[in-house]
Structure formats: C-alpha cells, structure tokens
Amino acid sequence: KFWRHRTTSWGRYKISIRVVALAAILLANEPWNGEATVPGAVAAV
C-alpha cells in the first residue's frame, strides 16, 4: 500500500519512516556482531 502511494506526500512519509526505522533496528541490534550460517539464515527468513 505504501509503495502504491509512493508519489504522494503520505506515501513518501510512510516509506521514509520505515527507512529510518530500519537504520534504528540495525543500530539497536548490531547484527554485524553475529556469525552467519546457512541453516540459521534459513530459519531467520
């Protein structure tokens, strides 16, 4: 729904908030401190 309205101010606002939230999640969870494994990645998906 947000993508369908990406050309409106409302859609851009909603998408931008989620980009900011994604950056905040990366800061809060520090995923770069883990070690990747294929089974673990599949389970995460």
ModelCIF file with pLDDT and N, C-alpha, C, O atoms, coordinates in Angstrom:
data_MODEL
#
_entry.id   MODEL 
#
_entity.id                         1 
_entity.type                       polymer 
_entity.pdbx_number_of_molecules   1 
#
_entity_poly.entity_id                      1 
_entity_poly.type                           'polypeptide(L)' 
_entity_poly.nstd_linkage                   no 
_entity_poly.nstd_monomer                   no 
_entity_poly.pdbx_seq_one_letter_code       KFWRHRTTSWGRYKISIRVVALAAILLANEPWNGEATVPGAVAAV 
_entity_poly.pdbx_seq_one_letter_code_can   KFWRHRTTSWGRYKISIRVVALAAILLANEPWNGEATVPGAVAAV 
_entity_poly.pdbx_strand_id                 A 
#
loop_
_entity_poly_seq.entity_id 
_entity_poly_seq.num 
_entity_poly_seq.mon_id 
_entity_poly_seq.hetero 
1 1  LYS n 
1 2  PHE n 
1 3  TRP n 
1 4  ARG n 
1 5  HIS n 
1 6  ARG n 
1 7  THR n 
1 8  THR n 
1 9  SER n 
1 10 TRP n 
1 11 GLY n 
1 12 ARG n 
1 13 TYR n 
1 14 LYS n 
1 15 ILE n 
1 16 SER n 
1 17 ILE n 
1 18 ARG n 
1 19 VAL n 
1 20 VAL n 
1 21 ALA n 
1 22 LEU n 
1 23 ALA n 
1 24 ALA n 
1 25 ILE n 
1 26 LEU n 
1 27 LEU n 
1 28 ALA n 
1 29 ASN n 
1 30 GLU n 
1 31 PRO n 
1 32 TRP n 
1 33 ASN n 
1 34 GLY n 
1 35 GLU n 
1 36 ALA n 
1 37 THR n 
1 38 VAL n 
1 39 PRO n 
1 40 GLY n 
1 41 ALA n 
1 42 VAL n 
1 43 ALA n 
1 44 ALA n 
1 45 VAL n 
#
_struct_asym.id          A 
_struct_asym.entity_id   1 
#
loop_
_ma_qa_metric.id 
_ma_qa_metric.mode 
_ma_qa_metric.name 
_ma_qa_metric.software_group_id 
_ma_qa_metric.type 
1 global pLDDT . pLDDT 
2 local  pLDDT . pLDDT 
#
_ma_qa_metric_global.metric_id      1 
_ma_qa_metric_global.metric_value   84.44 
_ma_qa_metric_global.model_id       1 
_ma_qa_metric_global.ordinal_id     1 
#
loop_
_ma_qa_metric_local.label_asym_id 
_ma_qa_metric_local.label_comp_id 
_ma_qa_metric_local.label_seq_id 
_ma_qa_metric_local.metric_id 
_ma_qa_metric_local.metric_value 
_ma_qa_metric_local.model_id 
_ma_qa_metric_local.ordinal_id 
A LYS 1  2 91.00 1 1  
A PHE 2  2 92.00 1 2  
A TRP 3  2 92.00 1 3  
A ARG 4  2 91.00 1 4  
A HIS 5  2 90.00 1 5  
A ARG 6  2 90.00 1 6  
A THR 7  2 91.00 1 7  
A THR 8  2 91.00 1 8  
A SER 9  2 91.00 1 9  
A TRP 10 2 92.00 1 10 
A GLY 11 2 91.00 1 11 
A ARG 12 2 92.00 1 12 
A TYR 13 2 93.00 1 13 
A LYS 14 2 93.00 1 14 
A ILE 15 2 93.00 1 15 
A SER 16 2 95.00 1 16 
A ILE 17 2 94.00 1 17 
A ARG 18 2 93.00 1 18 
A VAL 19 2 93.00 1 19 
A VAL 20 2 94.00 1 20 
A ALA 21 2 91.00 1 21 
A LEU 22 2 89.00 1 22 
A ALA 23 2 89.00 1 23 
A ALA 24 2 88.00 1 24 
A ILE 25 2 85.00 1 25 
A LEU 26 2 83.00 1 26 
A LEU 27 2 82.00 1 27 
A ALA 28 2 76.00 1 28 
A ASN 29 2 72.00 1 29 
A GLU 30 2 71.00 1 30 
A PRO 31 2 68.00 1 31 
A TRP 32 2 68.00 1 32 
A ASN 33 2 67.00 1 33 
A GLY 34 2 60.00 1 34 
A GLU 35 2 67.00 1 35 
A ALA 36 2 68.00 1 36 
A THR 37 2 74.00 1 37 
A VAL 38 2 77.00 1 38 
A PRO 39 2 76.00 1 39 
A GLY 40 2 78.00 1 40 
A ALA 41 2 84.00 1 41 
A VAL 42 2 85.00 1 42 
A ALA 43 2 84.00 1 43 
A ALA 44 2 86.00 1 44 
A VAL 45 2 90.00 1 45 
#
loop_
_atom_site.group_PDB 
_atom_site.id 
_atom_site.type_symbol 
_atom_site.label_atom_id 
_atom_site.label_alt_id 
_atom_site.label_comp_id 
_atom_site.label_asym_id 
_atom_site.label_entity_id 
_atom_site.label_seq_id 
_atom_site.pdbx_PDB_ins_code 
_atom_site.Cartn_x 
_atom_site.Cartn_y 
_atom_site.Cartn_z 
_atom_site.occupancy 
_atom_site.B_iso_or_equiv 
_atom_site.pdbx_formal_charge 
_atom_site.auth_seq_id 
_atom_site.auth_comp_id 
_atom_site.auth_asym_id 
_atom_site.auth_atom_id 
_atom_site.pdbx_PDB_model_num 
ATOM 1   N N  . LYS A 1 1  ? 0.833  -1.205  0.000  1.00 91.00 ? 1  LYS A N  1 
ATOM 2   C CA . LYS A 1 1  ? 0.000  0.000   0.000  1.00 91.00 ? 1  LYS A CA 1 
ATOM 3   C C  . LYS A 1 1  ? 0.866  1.253   0.000  1.00 91.00 ? 1  LYS A C  1 
ATOM 4   O O  . LYS A 1 1  ? 0.575  2.214   -0.713 1.00 91.00 ? 1  LYS A O  1 
ATOM 5   N N  . PHE A 1 2  ? 1.925  1.243   0.796  1.00 92.00 ? 2  PHE A N  1 
ATOM 6   C CA . PHE A 1 2  ? 2.806  2.407   0.830  1.00 92.00 ? 2  PHE A CA 1 
ATOM 7   C C  . PHE A 1 2  ? 3.468  2.622   -0.527 1.00 92.00 ? 2  PHE A C  1 
ATOM 8   O O  . PHE A 1 2  ? 3.617  3.757   -0.982 1.00 92.00 ? 2  PHE A O  1 
ATOM 9   N N  . TRP A 1 3  ? 3.865  1.522   -1.170 1.00 92.00 ? 3  TRP A N  1 
ATOM 10  C CA . TRP A 1 3  ? 4.546  1.645   -2.453 1.00 92.00 ? 3  TRP A CA 1 
ATOM 11  C C  . TRP A 1 3  ? 3.599  2.172   -3.542 1.00 92.00 ? 3  TRP A C  1 
ATOM 12  O O  . TRP A 1 3  ? 4.005  2.954   -4.402 1.00 92.00 ? 3  TRP A O  1 
ATOM 13  N N  . ARG A 1 4  ? 2.347  1.739   -3.493 1.00 91.00 ? 4  ARG A N  1 
ATOM 14  C CA . ARG A 1 4  ? 1.375  2.234   -4.479 1.00 91.00 ? 4  ARG A CA 1 
ATOM 15  C C  . ARG A 1 4  ? 1.195  3.755   -4.379 1.00 91.00 ? 4  ARG A C  1 
ATOM 16  O O  . ARG A 1 4  ? 0.900  4.421   -5.371 1.00 91.00 ? 4  ARG A O  1 
ATOM 17  N N  . HIS A 1 5  ? 1.376  4.284   -3.182 1.00 90.00 ? 5  HIS A N  1 
ATOM 18  C CA . HIS A 1 5  ? 1.188  5.727   -2.962 1.00 90.00 ? 5  HIS A CA 1 
ATOM 19  C C  . HIS A 1 5  ? 2.519  6.455   -2.806 1.00 90.00 ? 5  HIS A C  1 
ATOM 20  O O  . HIS A 1 5  ? 2.582  7.509   -2.174 1.00 90.00 ? 5  HIS A O  1 
ATOM 21  N N  . ARG A 1 6  ? 3.595  5.887   -3.387 1.00 90.00 ? 6  ARG A N  1 
ATOM 22  C CA . ARG A 1 6  ? 4.919  6.463   -3.206 1.00 90.00 ? 6  ARG A CA 1 
ATOM 23  C C  . ARG A 1 6  ? 5.061  7.845   -3.832 1.00 90.00 ? 6  ARG A C  1 
ATOM 24  O O  . ARG A 1 6  ? 5.970  8.592   -3.470 1.00 90.00 ? 6  ARG A O  1 
ATOM 25  N N  . THR A 1 7  ? 4.186  8.195   -4.760 1.00 91.00 ? 7  THR A N  1 
ATOM 26  C CA . THR A 1 7  ? 4.269  9.517   -5.396 1.00 91.00 ? 7  THR A CA 1 
ATOM 27  C C  . THR A 1 7  ? 3.530  10.590  -4.594 1.00 91.00 ? 7  THR A C  1 
ATOM 28  O O  . THR A 1 7  ? 3.601  11.769  -4.941 1.00 91.00 ? 7  THR A O  1 
ATOM 29  N N  . THR A 1 8  ? 2.826  10.204  -3.535 1.00 91.00 ? 8  THR A N  1 
ATOM 30  C CA . THR A 1 8  ? 2.115  11.167  -2.696 1.00 91.00 ? 8  THR A CA 1 
ATOM 31  C C  . THR A 1 8  ? 2.961  11.503  -1.471 1.00 91.00 ? 8  THR A C  1 
ATOM 32  O O  . THR A 1 8  ? 3.861  10.747  -1.104 1.00 91.00 ? 8  THR A O  1 
ATOM 33  N N  . SER A 1 9  ? 2.668  12.641  -0.842 1.00 91.00 ? 9  SER A N  1 
ATOM 34  C CA . SER A 1 9  ? 3.407  13.021  0.358  1.00 91.00 ? 9  SER A CA 1 
ATOM 35  C C  . SER A 1 9  ? 3.173  12.007  1.469  1.00 91.00 ? 9  SER A C  1 
ATOM 36  O O  . SER A 1 9  ? 4.074  11.728  2.260  1.00 91.00 ? 9  SER A O  1 
ATOM 37  N N  . TRP A 1 10 ? 1.965  11.456  1.530  1.00 92.00 ? 10 TRP A N  1 
ATOM 38  C CA . TRP A 1 10 ? 1.644  10.452  2.539  1.00 92.00 ? 10 TRP A CA 1 
ATOM 39  C C  . TRP A 1 10 ? 2.497  9.202   2.338  1.00 92.00 ? 10 TRP A C  1 
ATOM 40  O O  . TRP A 1 10 ? 3.074  8.688   3.296  1.00 92.00 ? 10 TRP A O  1 
ATOM 41  N N  . GLY A 1 11 ? 2.583  8.710   1.107  1.00 91.00 ? 11 GLY A N  1 
ATOM 42  C CA . GLY A 1 11 ? 3.362  7.513   0.813  1.00 91.00 ? 11 GLY A CA 1 
ATOM 43  C C  . GLY A 1 11 ? 4.837  7.719   1.084  1.00 91.00 ? 11 GLY A C  1 
ATOM 44  O O  . GLY A 1 11 ? 5.494  6.855   1.666  1.00 91.00 ? 11 GLY A O  1 
ATOM 45  N N  . ARG A 1 12 ? 5.369  8.877   0.659  1.00 92.00 ? 12 ARG A N  1 
ATOM 46  C CA . ARG A 1 12 ? 6.790  9.154   0.896  1.00 92.00 ? 12 ARG A CA 1 
ATOM 47  C C  . ARG A 1 12 ? 7.088  9.230   2.390  1.00 92.00 ? 12 ARG A C  1 
ATOM 48  O O  . ARG A 1 12 ? 8.140  8.781   2.845  1.00 92.00 ? 12 ARG A O  1 
ATOM 49  N N  . TYR A 1 13 ? 6.156  9.801   3.149  1.00 93.00 ? 13 TYR A N  1 
ATOM 50  C CA . TYR A 1 13 ? 6.327  9.911   4.596  1.00 93.00 ? 13 TYR A CA 1 
ATOM 51  C C  . TYR A 1 13 ? 6.390  8.525   5.230  1.00 93.00 ? 13 TYR A C  1 
ATOM 52  O O  . TYR A 1 13 ? 7.284  8.245   6.029  1.00 93.00 ? 13 TYR A O  1 
ATOM 53  N N  . LYS A 1 14 ? 5.438  7.654   4.874  1.00 93.00 ? 14 LYS A N  1 
ATOM 54  C CA . LYS A 1 14 ? 5.389  6.320   5.445  1.00 93.00 ? 14 LYS A CA 1 
ATOM 55  C C  . LYS A 1 14 ? 6.635  5.505   5.084  1.00 93.00 ? 14 LYS A C  1 
ATOM 56  O O  . LYS A 1 14 ? 7.183  4.798   5.929  1.00 93.00 ? 14 LYS A O  1 
ATOM 57  N N  . ILE A 1 15 ? 7.074  5.606   3.841  1.00 93.00 ? 15 ILE A N  1 
ATOM 58  C CA . ILE A 1 15 ? 8.259  4.863   3.408  1.00 93.00 ? 15 ILE A CA 1 
ATOM 59  C C  . ILE A 1 15 ? 9.511  5.400   4.103  1.00 93.00 ? 15 ILE A C  1 
ATOM 60  O O  . ILE A 1 15 ? 10.365 4.627   4.537  1.00 93.00 ? 15 ILE A O  1 
ATOM 61  N N  . SER A 1 16 ? 9.614  6.724   4.206  1.00 95.00 ? 16 SER A N  1 
ATOM 62  C CA . SER A 1 16 ? 10.783 7.334   4.853  1.00 95.00 ? 16 SER A CA 1 
ATOM 63  C C  . SER A 1 16 ? 10.879 6.927   6.314  1.00 95.00 ? 16 SER A C  1 
ATOM 64  O O  . SER A 1 16 ? 11.968 6.648   6.815  1.00 95.00 ? 16 SER A O  1 
ATOM 65  N N  . ILE A 1 17 ? 9.738  6.894   6.997  1.00 94.00 ? 17 ILE A N  1 
ATOM 66  C CA . ILE A 1 17 ? 9.730  6.473   8.406  1.00 94.00 ? 17 ILE A CA 1 
ATOM 67  C C  . ILE A 1 17 ? 10.276 5.061   8.542  1.00 94.00 ? 17 ILE A C  1 
ATOM 68  O O  . ILE A 1 17 ? 11.002 4.763   9.490  1.00 94.00 ? 17 ILE A O  1 
ATOM 69  N N  . ARG A 1 18 ? 9.932  4.194   7.601  1.00 93.00 ? 18 ARG A N  1 
ATOM 70  C CA . ARG A 1 18 ? 10.396 2.807   7.677  1.00 93.00 ? 18 ARG A CA 1 
ATOM 71  C C  . ARG A 1 18 ? 11.874 2.675   7.347  1.00 93.00 ? 18 ARG A C  1 
ATOM 72  O O  . ARG A 1 18 ? 12.550 1.796   7.880  1.00 93.00 ? 18 ARG A O  1 
ATOM 73  N N  . VAL A 1 19 ? 12.379 3.528   6.485  1.00 93.00 ? 19 VAL A N  1 
ATOM 74  C CA . VAL A 1 19 ? 13.823 3.539   6.228  1.00 93.00 ? 19 VAL A CA 1 
ATOM 75  C C  . VAL A 1 19 ? 14.573 3.956   7.490  1.00 93.00 ? 19 VAL A C  1 
ATOM 76  O O  . VAL A 1 19 ? 15.597 3.368   7.839  1.00 93.00 ? 19 VAL A O  1 
ATOM 77  N N  . VAL A 1 20 ? 14.048 4.984   8.175  1.00 94.00 ? 20 VAL A N  1 
ATOM 78  C CA . VAL A 1 20 ? 14.649 5.423   9.442  1.00 94.00 ? 20 VAL A CA 1 
ATOM 79  C C  . VAL A 1 20 ? 14.560 4.309   10.478 1.00 94.00 ? 20 VAL A C  1 
ATOM 80  O O  . VAL A 1 20 ? 15.520 4.062   11.209 1.00 94.00 ? 20 VAL A O  1 
ATOM 81  N N  . ALA A 1 21 ? 13.400 3.629   10.545 1.00 91.00 ? 21 ALA A N  1 
ATOM 82  C CA . ALA A 1 21 ? 13.229 2.535   11.500 1.00 91.00 ? 21 ALA A CA 1 
ATOM 83  C C  . ALA A 1 21 ? 14.206 1.398   11.219 1.00 91.00 ? 21 ALA A C  1 
ATOM 84  O O  . ALA A 1 21 ? 14.735 0.793   12.151 1.00 91.00 ? 21 ALA A O  1 
ATOM 85  N N  . LEU A 1 22 ? 14.452 1.102   9.934  1.00 89.00 ? 22 LEU A N  1 
ATOM 86  C CA . LEU A 1 22 ? 15.399 0.050   9.580  1.00 89.00 ? 22 LEU A CA 1 
ATOM 87  C C  . LEU A 1 22 ? 16.805 0.405   10.064 1.00 89.00 ? 22 LEU A C  1 
ATOM 88  O O  . LEU A 1 22 ? 17.515 -0.447  10.600 1.00 89.00 ? 22 LEU A O  1 
ATOM 89  N N  . ALA A 1 23 ? 17.206 1.666   9.872  1.00 89.00 ? 23 ALA A N  1 
ATOM 90  C CA . ALA A 1 23 ? 18.519 2.098   10.360 1.00 89.00 ? 23 ALA A CA 1 
ATOM 91  C C  . ALA A 1 23 ? 18.594 1.985   11.880 1.00 89.00 ? 23 ALA A C  1 
ATOM 92  O O  . ALA A 1 23 ? 19.622 1.588   12.429 1.00 89.00 ? 23 ALA A O  1 
ATOM 93  N N  . ALA A 1 24 ? 17.499 2.335   12.556 1.00 88.00 ? 24 ALA A N  1 
ATOM 94  C CA . ALA A 1 24 ? 17.468 2.252   14.011 1.00 88.00 ? 24 ALA A CA 1 
ATOM 95  C C  . ALA A 1 24 ? 17.578 0.803   14.476 1.00 88.00 ? 24 ALA A C  1 
ATOM 96  O O  . ALA A 1 24 ? 18.247 0.516   15.468 1.00 88.00 ? 24 ALA A O  1 
ATOM 97  N N  . ILE A 1 25 ? 16.923 -0.109  13.761 1.00 85.00 ? 25 ILE A N  1 
ATOM 98  C CA . ILE A 1 25 ? 16.975 -1.538  14.108 1.00 85.00 ? 25 ILE A CA 1 
ATOM 99  C C  . ILE A 1 25 ? 18.401 -2.053  13.996 1.00 85.00 ? 25 ILE A C  1 
ATOM 100 O O  . ILE A 1 25 ? 18.860 -2.813  14.849 1.00 85.00 ? 25 ILE A O  1 
ATOM 101 N N  . LEU A 1 26 ? 19.102 -1.641  12.948 1.00 83.00 ? 26 LEU A N  1 
ATOM 102 C CA . LEU A 1 26 ? 20.484 -2.081  12.760 1.00 83.00 ? 26 LEU A CA 1 
ATOM 103 C C  . LEU A 1 26 ? 21.368 -1.567  13.890 1.00 83.00 ? 26 LEU A C  1 
ATOM 104 O O  . LEU A 1 26 ? 22.253 -2.281  14.362 1.00 83.00 ? 26 LEU A O  1 
ATOM 105 N N  . LEU A 1 27 ? 21.130 -0.327  14.327 1.00 82.00 ? 27 LEU A N  1 
ATOM 106 C CA . LEU A 1 27 ? 21.899 0.229   15.434 1.00 82.00 ? 27 LEU A CA 1 
ATOM 107 C C  . LEU A 1 27 ? 21.584 -0.498  16.740 1.00 82.00 ? 27 LEU A C  1 
ATOM 108 O O  . LEU A 1 27 ? 22.483 -0.811  17.520 1.00 82.00 ? 27 LEU A O  1 
ATOM 109 N N  . ALA A 1 28 ? 20.300 -0.760  16.965 1.00 76.00 ? 28 ALA A N  1 
ATOM 110 C CA . ALA A 1 28 ? 19.874 -1.344  18.232 1.00 76.00 ? 28 ALA A CA 1 
ATOM 111 C C  . ALA A 1 28 ? 20.271 -2.807  18.383 1.00 76.00 ? 28 ALA A C  1 
ATOM 112 O O  . ALA A 1 28 ? 20.539 -3.265  19.493 1.00 76.00 ? 28 ALA A O  1 
ATOM 113 N N  . ASN A 1 29 ? 20.310 -3.548  17.265 1.00 72.00 ? 29 ASN A N  1 
ATOM 114 C CA . ASN A 1 29 ? 20.572 -4.985  17.339 1.00 72.00 ? 29 ASN A CA 1 
ATOM 115 C C  . ASN A 1 29 ? 21.991 -5.388  16.963 1.00 72.00 ? 29 ASN A C  1 
ATOM 116 O O  . ASN A 1 29 ? 22.401 -6.518  17.226 1.00 72.00 ? 29 ASN A O  1 
ATOM 117 N N  . GLU A 1 30 ? 22.751 -4.472  16.346 1.00 71.00 ? 30 GLU A N  1 
ATOM 118 C CA . GLU A 1 30 ? 24.147 -4.726  15.977 1.00 71.00 ? 30 GLU A CA 1 
ATOM 119 C C  . GLU A 1 30 ? 24.334 -6.082  15.304 1.00 71.00 ? 30 GLU A C  1 
ATOM 120 O O  . GLU A 1 30 ? 25.093 -6.915  15.800 1.00 71.00 ? 30 GLU A O  1 
ATOM 121 N N  . PRO A 1 31 ? 23.647 -6.319  14.172 1.00 68.00 ? 31 PRO A N  1 
ATOM 122 C CA . PRO A 1 31 ? 23.708 -7.643  13.544 1.00 68.00 ? 31 PRO A CA 1 
ATOM 123 C C  . PRO A 1 31 ? 25.086 -8.021  13.026 1.00 68.00 ? 31 PRO A C  1 
ATOM 124 O O  . PRO A 1 31 ? 25.345 -9.195  12.764 1.00 68.00 ? 31 PRO A O  1 
ATOM 125 N N  . TRP A 1 32 ? 25.970 -7.051  12.875 1.00 68.00 ? 32 TRP A N  1 
ATOM 126 C CA . TRP A 1 32 ? 27.314 -7.338  12.373 1.00 68.00 ? 32 TRP A CA 1 
ATOM 127 C C  . TRP A 1 32 ? 28.162 -8.091  13.399 1.00 68.00 ? 32 TRP A C  1 
ATOM 128 O O  . TRP A 1 32 ? 29.259 -8.549  13.079 1.00 68.00 ? 32 TRP A O  1 
ATOM 129 N N  . ASN A 1 33 ? 27.657 -8.223  14.641 1.00 67.00 ? 33 ASN A N  1 
ATOM 130 C CA . ASN A 1 33 ? 28.409 -8.940  15.669 1.00 67.00 ? 33 ASN A CA 1 
ATOM 131 C C  . ASN A 1 33 ? 28.181 -10.455 15.635 1.00 67.00 ? 33 ASN A C  1 
ATOM 132 O O  . ASN A 1 33 ? 28.822 -11.190 16.386 1.00 67.00 ? 33 ASN A O  1 
ATOM 133 N N  . GLY A 1 34 ? 27.281 -10.925 14.777 1.00 60.00 ? 34 GLY A N  1 
ATOM 134 C CA . GLY A 1 34 ? 26.982 -12.349 14.710 1.00 60.00 ? 34 GLY A CA 1 
ATOM 135 C C  . GLY A 1 34 ? 27.777 -13.056 13.628 1.00 60.00 ? 34 GLY A C  1 
ATOM 136 O O  . GLY A 1 34 ? 28.498 -12.424 12.856 1.00 60.00 ? 34 GLY A O  1 
ATOM 137 N N  . GLU A 1 35 ? 27.639 -14.378 13.580 1.00 67.00 ? 35 GLU A N  1 
ATOM 138 C CA . GLU A 1 35 ? 28.281 -15.193 12.554 1.00 67.00 ? 35 GLU A CA 1 
ATOM 139 C C  . GLU A 1 35 ? 27.200 -15.878 11.730 1.00 67.00 ? 35 GLU A C  1 
ATOM 140 O O  . GLU A 1 35 ? 26.311 -16.531 12.276 1.00 67.00 ? 35 GLU A O  1 
ATOM 141 N N  . ALA A 1 36 ? 27.281 -15.725 10.415 1.00 68.00 ? 36 ALA A N  1 
ATOM 142 C CA . ALA A 1 36 ? 26.242 -16.247 9.534  1.00 68.00 ? 36 ALA A CA 1 
ATOM 143 C C  . ALA A 1 36 ? 26.452 -17.733 9.251  1.00 68.00 ? 36 ALA A C  1 
ATOM 144 O O  . ALA A 1 36 ? 27.574 -18.181 9.015  1.00 68.00 ? 36 ALA A O  1 
ATOM 145 N N  . THR A 1 37 ? 25.358 -18.484 9.278  1.00 74.00 ? 37 THR A N  1 
ATOM 146 C CA . THR A 1 37 ? 25.346 -19.875 8.828  1.00 74.00 ? 37 THR A CA 1 
ATOM 147 C C  . THR A 1 37 ? 24.120 -20.049 7.938  1.00 74.00 ? 37 THR A C  1 
ATOM 148 O O  . THR A 1 37 ? 23.114 -19.363 8.118  1.00 74.00 ? 37 THR A O  1 
ATOM 149 N N  . VAL A 1 38 ? 24.206 -20.956 6.989  1.00 77.00 ? 38 VAL A N  1 
ATOM 150 C CA . VAL A 1 38 ? 23.084 -21.163 6.073  1.00 77.00 ? 38 VAL A CA 1 
ATOM 151 C C  . VAL A 1 38 ? 21.825 -21.643 6.802  1.00 77.00 ? 38 VAL A C  1 
ATOM 152 O O  . VAL A 1 38 ? 20.754 -21.078 6.582  1.00 77.00 ? 38 VAL A O  1 
ATOM 153 N N  . PRO A 1 39 ? 21.915 -22.677 7.674  1.00 76.00 ? 39 PRO A N  1 
ATOM 154 C CA . PRO A 1 39 ? 20.705 -23.096 8.390  1.00 76.00 ? 39 PRO A CA 1 
ATOM 155 C C  . PRO A 1 39 ? 20.107 -21.973 9.243  1.00 76.00 ? 39 PRO A C  1 
ATOM 156 O O  . PRO A 1 39 ? 18.887 -21.825 9.313  1.00 76.00 ? 39 PRO A O  1 
ATOM 157 N N  . GLY A 1 40 ? 20.970 -21.183 9.892  1.00 78.00 ? 40 GLY A N  1 
ATOM 158 C CA . GLY A 1 40 ? 20.482 -20.083 10.706 1.00 78.00 ? 40 GLY A CA 1 
ATOM 159 C C  . GLY A 1 40 ? 19.801 -19.020 9.865  1.00 78.00 ? 40 GLY A C  1 
ATOM 160 O O  . GLY A 1 40 ? 18.782 -18.459 10.268 1.00 78.00 ? 40 GLY A O  1 
ATOM 161 N N  . ALA A 1 41 ? 20.365 -18.741 8.691  1.00 84.00 ? 41 ALA A N  1 
ATOM 162 C CA . ALA A 1 41 ? 19.759 -17.752 7.809  1.00 84.00 ? 41 ALA A CA 1 
ATOM 163 C C  . ALA A 1 41 ? 18.402 -18.213 7.300  1.00 84.00 ? 41 ALA A C  1 
ATOM 164 O O  . ALA A 1 41 ? 17.470 -17.414 7.206  1.00 84.00 ? 41 ALA A O  1 
ATOM 165 N N  . VAL A 1 42 ? 18.284 -19.495 6.970  1.00 85.00 ? 42 VAL A N  1 
ATOM 166 C CA . VAL A 1 42 ? 17.004 -20.043 6.516  1.00 85.00 ? 42 VAL A CA 1 
ATOM 167 C C  . VAL A 1 42 ? 15.960 -19.931 7.624  1.00 85.00 ? 42 VAL A C  1 
ATOM 168 O O  . VAL A 1 42 ? 14.819 -19.540 7.377  1.00 85.00 ? 42 VAL A O  1 
ATOM 169 N N  . ALA A 1 43 ? 16.362 -20.278 8.847  1.00 84.00 ? 43 ALA A N  1 
ATOM 170 C CA . ALA A 1 43 ? 15.443 -20.176 9.981  1.00 84.00 ? 43 ALA A CA 1 
ATOM 171 C C  . ALA A 1 43 ? 15.009 -18.729 10.205 1.00 84.00 ? 43 ALA A C  1 
ATOM 172 O O  . ALA A 1 43 ? 13.855 -18.476 10.550 1.00 84.00 ? 43 ALA A O  1 
ATOM 173 N N  . ALA A 1 44 ? 15.924 -17.780 10.010 1.00 86.00 ? 44 ALA A N  1 
ATOM 174 C CA . ALA A 1 44 ? 15.594 -16.361 10.193 1.00 86.00 ? 44 ALA A CA 1 
ATOM 175 C C  . ALA A 1 44 ? 14.588 -15.896 9.143  1.00 86.00 ? 44 ALA A C  1 
ATOM 176 O O  . ALA A 1 44 ? 13.675 -15.131 9.451  1.00 86.00 ? 44 ALA A O  1 
ATOM 177 N N  . VAL A 1 45 ? 14.754 -16.357 7.903  1.00 90.00 ? 45 VAL A N  1 
ATOM 178 C CA . VAL A 1 45 ? 13.819 -15.985 6.837  1.00 90.00 ? 45 VAL A CA 1 
ATOM 179 C C  . VAL A 1 45 ? 12.422 -16.539 7.132  1.00 90.00 ? 45 VAL A C  1 
ATOM 180 O O  . VAL A 1 45 ? 11.497 -16.330 6.348  1.00 90.00 ? 45 VAL A O  1 
#
